[in-house]
């Protein structure tokens, strides 16, 4: 936007997104610089924005496809399957409406999503190799971890689980795992620390945000934020669109995950009164939410499955702990930076990594079900295909 002629990180006076790590902005910035140097328009900002915007959408669509591939490659190793293609994962992952909205926006979460899929794949692969150190595996793992850290602050919530799984490793693997992760930590920190050190020196905090924080107190949020107990909560299944469920965590998060609560795809997001056909859209998105109860239940069964049946597997422990760290880390953010009464920071995009790990777990549950009962598996797959067909319009942008 500011057409920089030198490489530097923006300050709060330069950009509303000054606190965001730089990795996601490198590609659009590169396209913008090329456009700036070739174009002759008197207004280079207005002229170049649609060009670098569309180029980034195409680039991030490729990242989305690669995300699918790496998760399916991970499932192939984990479940010892012959084929990389995995219908269970492809279908359950494709039902996440938030995917399409996130990957078509210029932000850091698409990079976290892609890098997390690579991380899960490498984690499984290294575990199969009993954490024997090779230079190739060390550098691959280190750069993936490092790039996650400079994609978006949420990515840092994926790192503590590496330490926790150490306590559940077999004795003969602990030494090799600890050595492997120590080297990864040293290398990845050389990538991560410069940005956060600069953020601390310029703003006084490594968790800086474009709003003043409050002292951490559960009372920063009302009871209805934590528990959907007021009359507005029923709008989750009546009219789940912007302003109908002010600052209610689970109704908004649910509606944003499966539908389009904030109106980024369906109508003009910042102008509710001028939005396109919102009465009809609200009715349709209500049906999306009702049908998605089934999909949510499959996600729940997937999480219960890895928690109950894979207690000694560190891959599943990593997934379980990362889900928990992401959720509670996000809760800390919402309590420190409450947006009352609108709840503008309650967005499924912010914790996309959590939903991807849940989808991965759900796919494992479905694959195990297929081994036990092909009939029940096909019934569930058929229902999910019907839900996907109905929900498809929610995944399309009307801009």
Foldseek 3Di string as FASTA:
>chain_A
DPLDPDDDQDAVVGDQVSLAFDPLVPQLSVQLNVQVVPDDDPDSCVVSVVVSLVVQLVVLVVLVVLLLQLLLLLCCLVVVNDDSDFLLLVLLVLQFLLVLVLSSDRALLSLLSSLVSNLLSLVSVCVVVLLADDPVSLVSNLVSLLVLLRRGVLSVLLPVLLVVLLVLDDPVSNVSSVVSVVSSVVSSCVSRVVSLVVVCVRPVHSPDHSDAWDDQDPVLDDPQQVPVDDPLLVLLLQFQAFPSRWNHQPSVALLQGRFNRQCQAQFDRVCVVPTDPRNVRRNLSSVLSVLCVLSVVLLVVLLCCLVPPVVSPSSSSSLNSSLVSSVVVVVSVCSGDPDPGRRVVNHNSSSVVNVSSSSSSSSVVLVVVCVVDVVVSVVSSVSSVVSCVSSVVSSGGPD
